[in-house]
Amino acid sequence: MKVPTVYILTNQTNSVLYIGVTSNLVQRVYQHKNNLVEGFTKKYKVHKLVYFEQFEDMYAAIAREKALKKWNRGWKDRLINEMNPNWRDLWGEII
């Protein structure tokens, strides 16, 4: 099912954040977790889904992704803490 979604991944120590947008969250996180995506997430082992937001349309999701990427780290941490205070891997909740 296609649902425009902004997501945040982190590494095991929560020291690196990656923000992305997709229309298929399960497929995209699977790709990250299994190193099927070349680049940042593969290089820095950013495989833990800690945050996601779903939208009515892709335009809104892309706008939110762009805004979040401009935020400082403290703001991003607070956003994650509001939804997921223990920074659990939410993978099990979306499959």
C-alpha atoms as a PDB file:
ATOM      1  CA  MET A   1       0.000   0.000   0.000  1.00  0.00           C
ATOM      2  CA  LYS A   2       1.417   3.374  -0.983  1.00  0.00           C
ATOM      3  CA  VAL A   3       1.354   5.960   1.775  1.00  0.00           C
ATOM      4  CA  PRO A   4       3.624   9.007   1.575  1.00  0.00           C
ATOM      5  CA  THR A   5       5.840   8.825   4.655  1.00  0.00           C
ATOM      6  CA  VAL A   6       8.771  10.717   6.153  1.00  0.00           C
ATOM      7  CA  TYR A   7      11.027   8.512   8.253  1.00  0.00           C
ATOM      8  CA  ILE A   8      14.097   8.798  10.441  1.00  0.00           C
ATOM      9  CA  LEU A   9      16.682   6.041  10.794  1.00  0.00           C
ATOM     10  CA  THR A  10      19.614   5.887  13.174  1.00  0.00           C
ATOM     11  CA  ASN A  11      22.531   3.619  13.919  1.00  0.00           C
ATOM     12  CA  GLN A  12      22.963   1.300  16.917  1.00  0.00           C
ATOM     13  CA  THR A  13      24.361   4.069  19.144  1.00  0.00           C
ATOM     14  CA  ASN A  14      21.830   6.716  17.986  1.00  0.00           C
ATOM     15  CA  SER A  15      24.697   8.990  16.986  1.00  0.00           C
ATOM     16  CA  VAL A  16      23.755   9.384  13.306  1.00  0.00           C
ATOM     17  CA  LEU A  17      20.372  10.344  11.842  1.00  0.00           C
ATOM     18  CA  TYR A  18      19.069   9.856   8.319  1.00  0.00           C
ATOM     19  CA  ILE A  19      15.829  11.458   7.141  1.00  0.00           C
ATOM     20  CA  GLY A  20      14.071  10.114   4.073  1.00  0.00           C
ATOM     21  CA  VAL A  21      10.734  10.085   2.265  1.00  0.00           C
ATOM     22  CA  THR A  22       9.006   7.158   0.581  1.00  0.00           C
ATOM     23  CA  SER A  23       5.626   5.936  -0.602  1.00  0.00           C
ATOM     24  CA  ASN A  24       6.296   2.416   0.700  1.00  0.00           C
ATOM     25  CA  LEU A  25       7.802   2.496   4.196  1.00  0.00           C
ATOM     26  CA  VAL A  26       8.071  -1.272   4.702  1.00  0.00           C
ATOM     27  CA  GLN A  27       9.907  -1.802   1.420  1.00  0.00           C
ATOM     28  CA  ARG A  28      12.219   1.163   1.932  1.00  0.00           C
ATOM     29  CA  VAL A  29      13.218   0.290   5.516  1.00  0.00           C
ATOM     30  CA  TYR A  30      13.778  -3.318   4.419  1.00  0.00           C
ATOM     31  CA  GLN A  31      16.154  -2.020   1.743  1.00  0.00           C
ATOM     32  CA  HIS A  32      18.072   0.048   4.309  1.00  0.00           C
ATOM     33  CA  LYS A  33      18.239  -2.787   6.860  1.00  0.00           C
ATOM     34  CA  ASN A  34      19.623  -5.179   4.268  1.00  0.00           C
ATOM     35  CA  ASN A  35      22.149  -2.735   2.787  1.00  0.00           C
ATOM     36  CA  LEU A  36      20.382  -2.727  -0.572  1.00  0.00           C
ATOM     37  CA  VAL A  37      20.665   1.075  -0.702  1.00  0.00           C
ATOM     38  CA  GLU A  38      24.102   2.397  -1.609  1.00  0.00           C
ATOM     39  CA  GLY A  39      25.295   5.485   0.180  1.00  0.00           C
ATOM     40  CA  PHE A  40      25.003   7.047   3.608  1.00  0.00           C
ATOM     41  CA  THR A  41      22.829   4.470   5.382  1.00  0.00           C
ATOM     42  CA  LYS A  42      24.931   1.551   4.194  1.00  0.00           C
ATOM     43  CA  LYS A  43      28.243   3.272   4.960  1.00  0.00           C
ATOM     44  CA  TYR A  44      27.247   4.325   8.495  1.00  0.00           C
ATOM     45  CA  LYS A  45      25.067   1.282   9.320  1.00  0.00           C
ATOM     46  CA  VAL A  46      21.947   3.386   9.764  1.00  0.00           C
ATOM     47  CA  HIS A  47      19.296   0.666   9.976  1.00  0.00           C
ATOM     48  CA  LYS A  48      17.060   1.409  12.980  1.00  0.00           C
ATOM     49  CA  LEU A  49      13.682   3.047  12.273  1.00  0.00           C
ATOM     50  CA  VAL A  50      12.984   5.438  15.155  1.00  0.00           C
ATOM     51  CA  TYR A  51      10.393   7.815  13.706  1.00  0.00           C
ATOM     52  CA  PHE A  52       7.888   8.127  10.885  1.00  0.00           C
ATOM     53  CA  GLU A  53       5.026  10.406   9.837  1.00  0.00           C
ATOM     54  CA  GLN A  54       2.428   9.585   7.209  1.00  0.00           C
ATOM     55  CA  PHE A  55       0.801  12.122   4.870  1.00  0.00           C
ATOM     56  CA  GLU A  56      -2.147  12.426   2.515  1.00  0.00           C
ATOM     57  CA  ASP A  57       0.031  13.279  -0.479  1.00  0.00           C
ATOM     58  CA  MET A  58       3.656  13.104  -1.532  1.00  0.00           C
ATOM     59  CA  TYR A  59       3.992  16.881  -1.878  1.00  0.00           C
ATOM     60  CA  ALA A  60       3.301  17.334   1.842  1.00  0.00           C
ATOM     61  CA  ALA A  61       5.699  14.512   2.735  1.00  0.00           C
ATOM     62  CA  ILE A  62       8.502  15.995   0.635  1.00  0.00           C
ATOM     63  CA  ALA A  63       7.939  19.440   2.145  1.00  0.00           C
ATOM     64  CA  ARG A  64       8.144  17.958   5.659  1.00  0.00           C
ATOM     65  CA  GLU A  65      11.307  16.008   4.796  1.00  0.00           C
ATOM     66  CA  LYS A  66      12.984  19.165   3.502  1.00  0.00           C
ATOM     67  CA  ALA A  67      11.972  21.085   6.631  1.00  0.00           C
ATOM     68  CA  LEU A  68      13.233  18.359   9.000  1.00  0.00           C
ATOM     69  CA  LYS A  69      16.579  18.209   7.223  1.00  0.00           C
ATOM     70  CA  LYS A  70      17.078  21.882   8.092  1.00  0.00           C
ATOM     71  CA  TRP A  71      16.393  21.327  11.805  1.00  0.00           C
ATOM     72  CA  ASN A  72      19.241  21.171  14.299  1.00  0.00           C
ATOM     73  CA  ARG A  73      20.003  17.895  16.053  1.00  0.00           C
ATOM     74  CA  GLY A  74      18.324  18.909  19.311  1.00  0.00           C
ATOM     75  CA  TRP A  75      15.008  19.567  17.592  1.00  0.00           C
ATOM     76  CA  LYS A  76      15.199  16.229  15.761  1.00  0.00           C
ATOM     77  CA  ASP A  77      15.985  14.415  19.024  1.00  0.00           C
ATOM     78  CA  ARG A  78      12.954  16.021  20.718  1.00  0.00           C
ATOM     79  CA  LEU A  79      10.716  15.023  17.807  1.00  0.00           C
ATOM     80  CA  ILE A  80      11.853  11.407  18.071  1.00  0.00           C
ATOM     81  CA  ASN A  81      11.529  11.438  21.878  1.00  0.00           C
ATOM     82  CA  GLU A  82       7.887  12.561  21.637  1.00  0.00           C
ATOM     83  CA  MET A  83       6.939   9.514  19.559  1.00  0.00           C
ATOM     84  CA  ASN A  84       9.563   7.023  20.661  1.00  0.00           C
ATOM     85  CA  PRO A  85      11.210   7.994  23.987  1.00  0.00           C
ATOM     86  CA  ASN A  86      13.325   4.832  24.179  1.00  0.00           C
ATOM     87  CA  TRP A  87      14.442   5.057  20.544  1.00  0.00           C
ATOM     88  CA  ARG A  88      13.193   1.505  19.909  1.00  0.00           C
ATOM     89  CA  ASP A  89      13.408   0.087  16.414  1.00  0.00           C
ATOM     90  CA  LEU A  90       9.866   0.523  15.073  1.00  0.00           C
ATOM     91  CA  TRP A  91      10.403  -2.032  12.300  1.00  0.00           C
ATOM     92  CA  GLY A  92       8.278  -4.613  14.123  1.00  0.00           C
ATOM     93  CA  GLU A  93       5.376  -2.183  14.286  1.00  0.00           C
ATOM     94  CA  ILE A  94       5.216  -1.524  10.545  1.00  0.00           C
ATOM     95  CA  ILE A  95       5.556  -5.052   9.147  1.00  0.00           C
END
